[in-house]
Amino acid sequence: MAMSTSAMMGVAHQPLRSVTRTSRFTPAVHSRPRVRTGTVAMAAPDFLIKKLESSAQTHKELTFRLADPDVASDPKEYQKLSKAMGELTAVVDQYTRYKECQDEEAEAREMVKDAAGDAEMEAMAREEIAALKEEMEELEEKMTIALLPKDPLDDKNIMLEIRAGTGGDEAGIWAGDLWRMYQRYAQSKGWTATILTANIADFGGYKEIVVEMTGDSVYSELKWEAGVHRVQRVPATESQGRVQTSTATVAVMPEVDEVEVKID
């Protein structure tokens, strides 16, 4: 699903400033090449196993608590626990599969021992061992990333502001294109996007648009989109076919918590 703004819009796009973008629009992490060997797969580090066991136990406890009638009758508590369990589900499923791979690898190694000169069976078993070793390495990498500390703002809703930059009328069109891109992405994620203010440009698009986006992990998904976005193309307003560079700025602001203010 990961893609750049340019890929989504079908135009050239790159930020004007040097920013490493790691959002779902621009992947920045590439897995290292895998080499298949017949060696024994290295077990995950002890600290990782301990955290995974703790996560699995917490997930189990949350499952039992959600089945409690007292919790089910409290919508706020039920939602809180459901969210906590949902955050652990993916890594717990990965850990379950990791342990299955360990068992399957042990069985495949027994097959190698029992092959007793059957070259074809031994080759199949060794191929299975190599495939399981690769899968376990990939799972270990995913689980390690999943257990990294989260940004406390990641679950926040956001205010998204898009402003036309340099480029005249084409900059307004470009700002409109960016808004439609984010709007479609929000729809694909099941988020709600509500336009709060909009200043429509003369030739389409927007001089400025402010949108409230609500849903699961909105800030986590879009925080890396903040910055200057540039496009180089022949504008719809250009009659002589000349390529023009236009820009728009995107601001992504997490919602703030409500606070009570007492005035004496």
C-alpha atoms as a PDB file:
ATOM      1  CA  MET A   1       0.000   0.000   0.000  1.00  0.00           C
ATOM      2  CA  ALA A   2       2.953   2.245   0.568  1.00  0.00           C
ATOM      3  CA  MET A   3       3.456   4.819  -2.180  1.00  0.00           C
ATOM      4  CA  SER A   4       4.816   8.308  -2.683  1.00  0.00           C
ATOM      5  CA  THR A   5       2.757  11.410  -3.310  1.00  0.00           C
ATOM      6  CA  SER A   6       4.057  11.451  -6.860  1.00  0.00           C
ATOM      7  CA  ALA A   7       2.985   7.853  -7.425  1.00  0.00           C
ATOM      8  CA  MET A   8      -0.501   8.610  -6.120  1.00  0.00           C
ATOM      9  CA  MET A   9      -0.872  11.739  -8.205  1.00  0.00           C
ATOM     10  CA  GLY A  10       0.979  10.567 -11.326  1.00  0.00           C
ATOM     11  CA  VAL A  11       3.298  13.609 -11.256  1.00  0.00           C
ATOM     12  CA  ALA A  12       6.834  14.387 -10.139  1.00  0.00           C
ATOM     13  CA  HIS A  13       7.007  15.293  -6.483  1.00  0.00           C
ATOM     14  CA  GLN A  14       9.730  15.771  -3.925  1.00  0.00           C
ATOM     15  CA  PRO A  15      10.026  17.923  -0.789  1.00  0.00           C
ATOM     16  CA  LEU A  16      12.017  21.123  -1.118  1.00  0.00           C
ATOM     17  CA  ARG A  17      13.786  20.551   2.161  1.00  0.00           C
ATOM     18  CA  SER A  18      15.852  17.547   3.083  1.00  0.00           C
ATOM     19  CA  VAL A  19      13.422  15.432   5.082  1.00  0.00           C
ATOM     20  CA  THR A  20      13.439  11.663   5.466  1.00  0.00           C
ATOM     21  CA  ARG A  21       9.840  10.664   4.937  1.00  0.00           C
ATOM     22  CA  THR A  22       8.821   7.364   6.469  1.00  0.00           C
ATOM     23  CA  SER A  23       5.067   7.591   6.161  1.00  0.00           C
ATOM     24  CA  ARG A  24       2.972   5.114   4.205  1.00  0.00           C
ATOM     25  CA  PHE A  25       3.219   7.441   1.217  1.00  0.00           C
ATOM     26  CA  THR A  26       7.005   7.059   0.977  1.00  0.00           C
ATOM     27  CA  PRO A  27       8.665   3.887   2.250  1.00  0.00           C
ATOM     28  CA  ALA A  28      12.089   4.538   3.765  1.00  0.00           C
ATOM     29  CA  VAL A  29      13.042   1.169   5.242  1.00  0.00           C
ATOM     30  CA  HIS A  30      14.309  -1.610   2.996  1.00  0.00           C
ATOM     31  CA  SER A  31      14.829  -5.148   4.211  1.00  0.00           C
ATOM     32  CA  ARG A  32      18.344  -6.440   3.950  1.00  0.00           C
ATOM     33  CA  PRO A  33      18.961  -9.210   1.370  1.00  0.00           C
ATOM     34  CA  ARG A  34      18.165 -12.678   2.669  1.00  0.00           C
ATOM     35  CA  VAL A  35      20.602 -15.514   2.125  1.00  0.00           C
ATOM     36  CA  ARG A  36      19.221 -19.011   2.365  1.00  0.00           C
ATOM     37  CA  THR A  37      21.486 -21.467   4.135  1.00  0.00           C
ATOM     38  CA  GLY A  38      21.147 -24.789   5.835  1.00  0.00           C
ATOM     39  CA  THR A  39      22.406 -23.496   9.168  1.00  0.00           C
ATOM     40  CA  VAL A  40      20.326 -23.493  12.330  1.00  0.00           C
ATOM     41  CA  ALA A  41      18.187 -20.364  12.679  1.00  0.00           C
ATOM     42  CA  MET A  42      19.408 -18.074  15.423  1.00  0.00           C
ATOM     43  CA  ALA A  43      16.914 -17.768  18.259  1.00  0.00           C
ATOM     44  CA  ALA A  44      15.513 -14.322  19.007  1.00  0.00           C
ATOM     45  CA  PRO A  45      17.364 -12.447  21.793  1.00  0.00           C
ATOM     46  CA  ASP A  46      16.222 -13.204  25.341  1.00  0.00           C
ATOM     47  CA  PHE A  47      15.062  -9.626  25.949  1.00  0.00           C
ATOM     48  CA  LEU A  48      12.812  -9.813  22.887  1.00  0.00           C
ATOM     49  CA  ILE A  49      11.355 -13.180  23.921  1.00  0.00           C
ATOM     50  CA  LYS A  50      10.615 -11.834  27.409  1.00  0.00           C
ATOM     51  CA  LYS A  51       8.780  -8.816  25.969  1.00  0.00           C
ATOM     52  CA  LEU A  52       6.863 -11.037  23.555  1.00  0.00           C
ATOM     53  CA  GLU A  53       5.848 -13.438  26.337  1.00  0.00           C
ATOM     54  CA  SER A  54       4.708 -10.465  28.415  1.00  0.00           C
ATOM     55  CA  SER A  55       2.706  -9.083  25.471  1.00  0.00           C
ATOM     56  CA  ALA A  56       1.092 -12.481  24.885  1.00  0.00           C
ATOM     57  CA  GLN A  57       0.123 -12.750  28.560  1.00  0.00           C
ATOM     58  CA  THR A  58      -1.297  -9.212  28.566  1.00  0.00           C
ATOM     59  CA  HIS A  59      -3.291  -9.981  25.402  1.00  0.00           C
ATOM     60  CA  LYS A  60      -4.722 -13.104  27.066  1.00  0.00           C
ATOM     61  CA  GLU A  61      -5.704 -11.162  30.180  1.00  0.00           C
ATOM     62  CA  LEU A  62      -7.370  -8.455  28.111  1.00  0.00           C
ATOM     63  CA  THR A  63      -9.364 -11.124  26.252  1.00  0.00           C
ATOM     64  CA  PHE A  64     -10.720 -12.423  29.567  1.00  0.00           C
ATOM     65  CA  ARG A  65     -11.487  -8.919  30.840  1.00  0.00           C
ATOM     66  CA  LEU A  66     -13.441  -8.049  27.707  1.00  0.00           C
ATOM     67  CA  ALA A  67     -15.613 -11.100  28.333  1.00  0.00           C
ATOM     68  CA  ASP A  68     -16.491  -9.769  31.793  1.00  0.00           C
ATOM     69  CA  PRO A  69     -20.130  -8.557  31.869  1.00  0.00           C
ATOM     70  CA  ASP A  70     -19.141  -5.609  34.093  1.00  0.00           C
ATOM     71  CA  VAL A  71     -16.666  -4.413  31.469  1.00  0.00           C
ATOM     72  CA  ALA A  72     -19.110  -5.012  28.625  1.00  0.00           C
ATOM     73  CA  SER A  73     -21.652  -2.785  30.379  1.00  0.00           C
ATOM     74  CA  ASP A  74     -19.168   0.102  30.575  1.00  0.00           C
ATOM     75  CA  PRO A  75     -18.714   1.455  27.008  1.00  0.00           C
ATOM     76  CA  LYS A  76     -15.758   3.669  27.890  1.00  0.00           C
ATOM     77  CA  GLU A  77     -13.834   0.902  29.675  1.00  0.00           C
ATOM     78  CA  TYR A  78     -14.725  -1.615  26.963  1.00  0.00           C
ATOM     79  CA  GLN A  79     -13.445   0.712  24.240  1.00  0.00           C
ATOM     80  CA  LYS A  80     -10.237   1.360  26.181  1.00  0.00           C
ATOM     81  CA  LEU A  81      -9.518  -2.357  26.653  1.00  0.00           C
ATOM     82  CA  SER A  82     -10.463  -3.199  23.056  1.00  0.00           C
ATOM     83  CA  LYS A  83      -8.017  -0.618  21.786  1.00  0.00           C
ATOM     84  CA  ALA A  84      -5.251  -1.945  24.046  1.00  0.00           C
ATOM     85  CA  MET A  85      -5.873  -5.496  22.867  1.00  0.00           C
ATOM     86  CA  GLY A  86      -5.987  -4.417  19.240  1.00  0.00           C
ATOM     87  CA  GLU A  87      -2.540  -2.844  19.552  1.00  0.00           C
ATOM     88  CA  LEU A  88      -1.124  -6.171  20.733  1.00  0.00           C
ATOM     89  CA  THR A  89      -2.988  -8.524  18.398  1.00  0.00           C
ATOM     90  CA  ALA A  90      -0.641  -8.227  15.409  1.00  0.00           C
ATOM     91  CA  VAL A  91       2.586  -8.810  17.362  1.00  0.00           C
ATOM     92  CA  VAL A  92       1.031 -11.674  19.348  1.00  0.00           C
ATOM     93  CA  ASP A  93      -0.066 -13.341  16.096  1.00  0.00           C
ATOM     94  CA  GLN A  94       3.463 -12.907  14.736  1.00  0.00           C
ATOM     95  CA  TYR A  95       4.937 -14.450  17.882  1.00  0.00           C
ATOM     96  CA  THR A  96       2.551 -17.397  17.616  1.00  0.00           C
ATOM     97  CA  ARG A  97       3.672 -17.974  14.040  1.00  0.00           C
ATOM     98  CA  TYR A  98       7.323 -17.595  15.109  1.00  0.00           C
ATOM     99  CA  LYS A  99       6.942 -20.440  17.621  1.00  0.00           C
ATOM    100  CA  GLU A 100       5.191 -22.564  14.987  1.00  0.00           C
ATOM    101  CA  CYS A 101       8.162 -22.009  12.665  1.00  0.00           C
ATOM    102  CA  GLN A 102      10.528 -23.194  15.404  1.00  0.00           C
ATOM    103  CA  ASP A 103       8.537 -26.414  15.808  1.00  0.00           C
ATOM    104  CA  GLU A 104       8.322 -26.963  12.053  1.00  0.00           C
ATOM    105  CA  GLU A 105      12.061 -26.390  11.682  1.00  0.00           C
ATOM    106  CA  ALA A 106      12.783 -29.008  14.366  1.00  0.00           C
ATOM    107  CA  GLU A 107      10.544 -31.497  12.519  1.00  0.00           C
ATOM    108  CA  ALA A 108      12.306 -30.746   9.224  1.00  0.00           C
ATOM    109  CA  ARG A 109      15.694 -31.403  10.834  1.00  0.00           C
ATOM    110  CA  GLU A 110      14.418 -34.752  12.051  1.00  0.00           C
ATOM    111  CA  MET A 111      13.396 -35.491   8.476  1.00  0.00           C
ATOM    112  CA  VAL A 112      16.974 -34.819   7.348  1.00  0.00           C
ATOM    113  CA  LYS A 113      18.237 -37.319   9.904  1.00  0.00           C
ATOM    114  CA  ASP A 114      15.617 -39.894   8.908  1.00  0.00           C
ATOM    115  CA  ALA A 115      16.231 -39.490   5.183  1.00  0.00           C
ATOM    116  CA  ALA A 116      18.774 -42.326   5.358  1.00  0.00           C
ATOM    117  CA  GLY A 117      20.339 -41.636   1.996  1.00  0.00           C
ATOM    118  CA  ASP A 118      17.126 -40.520   0.263  1.00  0.00           C
ATOM    119  CA  ALA A 119      18.604 -37.493  -1.539  1.00  0.00           C
ATOM    120  CA  GLU A 120      15.244 -36.164  -2.729  1.00  0.00           C
ATOM    121  CA  MET A 121      13.666 -36.228   0.738  1.00  0.00           C
ATOM    122  CA  GLU A 122      16.757 -34.664   2.288  1.00  0.00           C
ATOM    123  CA  ALA A 123      16.780 -31.880  -0.319  1.00  0.00           C
ATOM    124  CA  MET A 124      13.098 -31.129   0.332  1.00  0.00           C
ATOM    125  CA  ALA A 125      13.679 -31.011   4.079  1.00  0.00           C
ATOM    126  CA  ARG A 126      16.672 -28.694   3.733  1.00  0.00           C
ATOM    127  CA  GLU A 127      14.671 -26.405   1.454  1.00  0.00           C
ATOM    128  CA  GLU A 128      11.912 -26.287   4.080  1.00  0.00           C
ATOM    129  CA  ILE A 129      14.491 -25.459   6.774  1.00  0.00           C
ATOM    130  CA  ALA A 130      15.863 -22.588   4.690  1.00  0.00           C
ATOM    131  CA  ALA A 131      12.374 -21.195   4.029  1.00  0.00           C
ATOM    132  CA  LEU A 132      11.460 -21.380   7.717  1.00  0.00           C
ATOM    133  CA  LYS A 133      14.725 -19.698   8.716  1.00  0.00           C
ATOM    134  CA  GLU A 134      13.967 -16.818   6.344  1.00  0.00           C
ATOM    135  CA  GLU A 135      10.415 -16.459   7.655  1.00  0.00           C
ATOM    136  CA  MET A 136      11.643 -16.449  11.268  1.00  0.00           C
ATOM    137  CA  GLU A 137      14.177 -13.703  10.513  1.00  0.00           C
ATOM    138  CA  GLU A 138      11.466 -11.586   8.899  1.00  0.00           C
ATOM    139  CA  LEU A 139       9.107 -12.179  11.843  1.00  0.00           C
ATOM    140  CA  GLU A 140      11.824 -11.258  14.330  1.00  0.00           C
ATOM    141  CA  GLU A 141      12.417  -7.970  12.508  1.00  0.00           C
ATOM    142  CA  LYS A 142       8.694  -7.156  12.425  1.00  0.00           C
ATOM    143  CA  MET A 143       8.228  -8.016  16.103  1.00  0.00           C
ATOM    144  CA  THR A 144      11.202  -5.895  17.141  1.00  0.00           C
ATOM    145  CA  ILE A 145       9.790  -2.884  15.285  1.00  0.00           C
ATOM    146  CA  ALA A 146       6.290  -3.480  16.687  1.00  0.00           C
ATOM    147  CA  LEU A 147       7.621  -3.377  20.267  1.00  0.00           C
ATOM    148  CA  LEU A 148       9.489  -0.096  19.874  1.00  0.00           C
ATOM    149  CA  PRO A 149       8.120   2.759  22.040  1.00  0.00           C
ATOM    150  CA  LYS A 150       5.327   4.652  20.322  1.00  0.00           C
ATOM    151  CA  ASP A 151       4.986   8.385  19.900  1.00  0.00           C
ATOM    152  CA  PRO A 152       2.352   9.353  22.506  1.00  0.00           C
ATOM    153  CA  LEU A 153       0.663  11.504  19.868  1.00  0.00           C
ATOM    154  CA  ASP A 154       0.315   8.701  17.297  1.00  0.00           C
ATOM    155  CA  ASP A 155      -3.299   7.913  18.196  1.00  0.00           C
ATOM    156  CA  LYS A 156      -4.428  11.537  17.977  1.00  0.00           C
ATOM    157  CA  ASN A 157      -6.826  12.978  15.427  1.00  0.00           C
ATOM    158  CA  ILE A 158      -5.439  15.869  13.398  1.00  0.00           C
ATOM    159  CA  MET A 159      -6.066  19.218  11.804  1.00  0.00           C
ATOM    160  CA  LEU A 160      -4.733  19.122   8.243  1.00  0.00           C
ATOM    161  CA  GLU A 161      -3.908  22.454   6.628  1.00  0.00           C
ATOM    162  CA  ILE A 162      -2.934  22.789   2.955  1.00  0.00           C
ATOM    163  CA  ARG A 163      -1.819  26.160   1.546  1.00  0.00           C
ATOM    164  CA  ALA A 164      -0.951  27.030  -2.036  1.00  0.00           C
ATOM    165  CA  GLY A 165       2.659  28.205  -2.330  1.00  0.00           C
ATOM    166  CA  THR A 166       4.602  29.558  -5.277  1.00  0.00           C
ATOM    167  CA  GLY A 167       3.266  29.011  -8.765  1.00  0.00           C
ATOM    168  CA  GLY A 168       0.244  31.289  -9.043  1.00  0.00           C
ATOM    169  CA  ASP A 169      -3.009  29.675 -10.150  1.00  0.00           C
ATOM    170  CA  GLU A 170      -1.279  26.321 -10.688  1.00  0.00           C
ATOM    171  CA  ALA A 171      -0.243  26.265  -7.012  1.00  0.00           C
ATOM    172  CA  GLY A 172      -3.924  26.435  -6.054  1.00  0.00           C
ATOM    173  CA  ILE A 173      -4.705  23.547  -8.414  1.00  0.00           C
ATOM    174  CA  TRP A 174      -1.828  21.571  -6.892  1.00  0.00           C
ATOM    175  CA  ALA A 175      -3.153  22.242  -3.371  1.00  0.00           C
ATOM    176  CA  GLY A 176      -6.520  20.895  -4.523  1.00  0.00           C
ATOM    177  CA  ASP A 177      -4.861  17.789  -5.950  1.00  0.00           C
ATOM    178  CA  LEU A 178      -3.120  17.168  -2.633  1.00  0.00           C
ATOM    179  CA  TRP A 179      -6.391  17.522  -0.739  1.00  0.00           C
ATOM    180  CA  ARG A 180      -8.126  14.998  -3.011  1.00  0.00           C
ATOM    181  CA  MET A 181      -5.221  12.595  -2.520  1.00  0.00           C
ATOM    182  CA  TYR A 182      -5.478  12.813   1.282  1.00  0.00           C
ATOM    183  CA  GLN A 183      -9.265  12.602   1.060  1.00  0.00           C
ATOM    184  CA  ARG A 184      -9.109   9.340  -0.904  1.00  0.00           C
ATOM    185  CA  TYR A 185      -6.528   7.953   1.481  1.00  0.00           C
ATOM    186  CA  ALA A 186      -8.728   8.848   4.467  1.00  0.00           C
ATOM    187  CA  GLN A 187     -11.660   7.058   2.823  1.00  0.00           C
ATOM    188  CA  SER A 188      -9.533   3.945   2.284  1.00  0.00           C
ATOM    189  CA  LYS A 189      -8.624   3.944   5.994  1.00  0.00           C
ATOM    190  CA  GLY A 190     -12.188   4.503   7.189  1.00  0.00           C
ATOM    191  CA  TRP A 191     -11.387   7.934   8.635  1.00  0.00           C
ATOM    192  CA  THR A 192     -13.760  10.896   8.732  1.00  0.00           C
ATOM    193  CA  ALA A 193     -12.598  14.086   6.998  1.00  0.00           C
ATOM    194  CA  THR A 194     -14.507  17.299   7.665  1.00  0.00           C
ATOM    195  CA  ILE A 195     -13.664  20.565   5.895  1.00  0.00           C
ATOM    196  CA  LEU A 196     -13.624  23.399   8.430  1.00  0.00           C
ATOM    197  CA  THR A 197     -12.556  26.299   6.219  1.00  0.00           C
ATOM    198  CA  ALA A 198     -11.746  26.562   2.524  1.00  0.00           C
ATOM    199  CA  ASN A 199     -10.620  29.442   0.319  1.00  0.00           C
ATOM    200  CA  ILE A 200     -11.271  28.336  -3.251  1.00  0.00           C
ATOM    201  CA  ALA A 201      -8.776  29.450  -5.916  1.00  0.00           C
ATOM    202  CA  ASP A 202      -9.906  31.222  -9.091  1.00  0.00           C
ATOM    203  CA  PHE A 203      -8.967  28.393 -11.476  1.00  0.00           C
ATOM    204  CA  GLY A 204      -9.911  25.470  -9.238  1.00  0.00           C
ATOM    205  CA  GLY A 205      -8.250  23.976  -6.216  1.00  0.00           C
ATOM    206  CA  TYR A 206      -7.658  25.949  -3.050  1.00  0.00           C
ATOM    207  CA  LYS A 207      -5.652  28.874  -1.825  1.00  0.00           C
ATOM    208  CA  GLU A 208      -6.072  27.367   1.625  1.00  0.00           C
ATOM    209  CA  ILE A 209      -8.047  24.496   3.123  1.00  0.00           C
ATOM    210  CA  VAL A 210      -8.273  23.274   6.730  1.00  0.00           C
ATOM    211  CA  VAL A 211      -9.657  19.804   7.436  1.00  0.00           C
ATOM    212  CA  GLU A 212     -10.339  17.869  10.612  1.00  0.00           C
ATOM    213  CA  MET A 213      -9.477  14.159  10.280  1.00  0.00           C
ATOM    214  CA  THR A 214     -10.625  11.648  12.873  1.00  0.00           C
ATOM    215  CA  GLY A 215     -10.039   7.911  13.092  1.00  0.00           C
ATOM    216  CA  ASP A 216      -7.533   5.310  14.199  1.00  0.00           C
ATOM    217  CA  SER A 217      -3.879   6.446  14.317  1.00  0.00           C
ATOM    218  CA  VAL A 218      -4.424   9.399  11.973  1.00  0.00           C
ATOM    219  CA  TYR A 219      -1.435  11.376  13.250  1.00  0.00           C
ATOM    220  CA  SER A 220       0.782   8.287  13.097  1.00  0.00           C
ATOM    221  CA  GLU A 221      -0.091   7.794   9.429  1.00  0.00           C
ATOM    222  CA  LEU A 222       0.169  11.399   8.249  1.00  0.00           C
ATOM    223  CA  LYS A 223       2.687  13.163  10.484  1.00  0.00           C
ATOM    224  CA  TRP A 224       5.514  12.716   7.968  1.00  0.00           C
ATOM    225  CA  GLU A 225       3.492  14.472   5.264  1.00  0.00           C
ATOM    226  CA  ALA A 226       4.098  17.852   6.898  1.00  0.00           C
ATOM    227  CA  GLY A 227       6.320  20.097   4.795  1.00  0.00           C
ATOM    228  CA  VAL A 228       6.585  21.588   1.318  1.00  0.00           C
ATOM    229  CA  HIS A 229       5.346  19.504  -1.622  1.00  0.00           C
ATOM    230  CA  ARG A 230       6.496  20.375  -5.134  1.00  0.00           C
ATOM    231  CA  VAL A 231       5.140  19.451  -8.548  1.00  0.00           C
ATOM    232  CA  GLN A 232       6.642  19.990 -12.011  1.00  0.00           C
ATOM    233  CA  ARG A 233       4.195  19.669 -14.887  1.00  0.00           C
ATOM    234  CA  VAL A 234       2.497  21.506 -17.715  1.00  0.00           C
ATOM    235  CA  PRO A 235      -0.341  23.375 -15.979  1.00  0.00           C
ATOM    236  CA  ALA A 236      -3.908  23.359 -17.219  1.00  0.00           C
ATOM    237  CA  THR A 237      -3.573  27.154 -17.309  1.00  0.00           C
ATOM    238  CA  GLU A 238      -0.503  26.982 -19.620  1.00  0.00           C
ATOM    239  CA  SER A 239      -1.271  27.523 -23.323  1.00  0.00           C
ATOM    240  CA  GLN A 240       2.275  27.109 -24.705  1.00  0.00           C
ATOM    241  CA  GLY A 241       3.129  23.736 -23.157  1.00  0.00           C
ATOM    242  CA  ARG A 242       5.805  25.007 -20.775  1.00  0.00           C
ATOM    243  CA  VAL A 243       6.629  23.026 -17.636  1.00  0.00           C
ATOM    244  CA  GLN A 244       6.040  24.959 -14.429  1.00  0.00           C
ATOM    245  CA  THR A 245       7.123  24.310 -10.855  1.00  0.00           C
ATOM    246  CA  SER A 246       4.506  24.875  -8.167  1.00  0.00           C
ATOM    247  CA  THR A 247       4.464  24.244  -4.444  1.00  0.00           C
ATOM    248  CA  ALA A 248       2.041  23.770  -1.578  1.00  0.00           C
ATOM    249  CA  THR A 249       2.673  23.485   2.142  1.00  0.00           C
ATOM    250  CA  VAL A 250       1.066  20.861   4.342  1.00  0.00           C
ATOM    251  CA  ALA A 251       0.728  21.223   8.113  1.00  0.00           C
ATOM    252  CA  VAL A 252      -0.312  18.246  10.266  1.00  0.00           C
ATOM    253  CA  MET A 253      -1.326  19.240  13.799  1.00  0.00           C
ATOM    254  CA  PRO A 254      -2.393  16.659  16.425  1.00  0.00           C
ATOM    255  CA  GLU A 255      -5.463  17.480  18.470  1.00  0.00           C
ATOM    256  CA  VAL A 256      -4.841  18.756  21.980  1.00  0.00           C
ATOM    257  CA  ASP A 257      -6.349  17.236  25.095  1.00  0.00           C
ATOM    258  CA  GLU A 258      -9.158  19.076  26.786  1.00  0.00           C
ATOM    259  CA  VAL A 259      -8.135  20.886  29.931  1.00  0.00           C
ATOM    260  CA  GLU A 260     -10.171  22.562  32.609  1.00  0.00           C
ATOM    261  CA  VAL A 261      -9.296  26.163  33.330  1.00  0.00           C
ATOM    262  CA  LYS A 262     -10.477  27.778  36.542  1.00  0.00           C
ATOM    263  CA  ILE A 263     -10.583  31.561  36.721  1.00  0.00           C
ATOM    264  CA  ASP A 264     -10.708  32.953  40.212  1.00  0.00           C
END
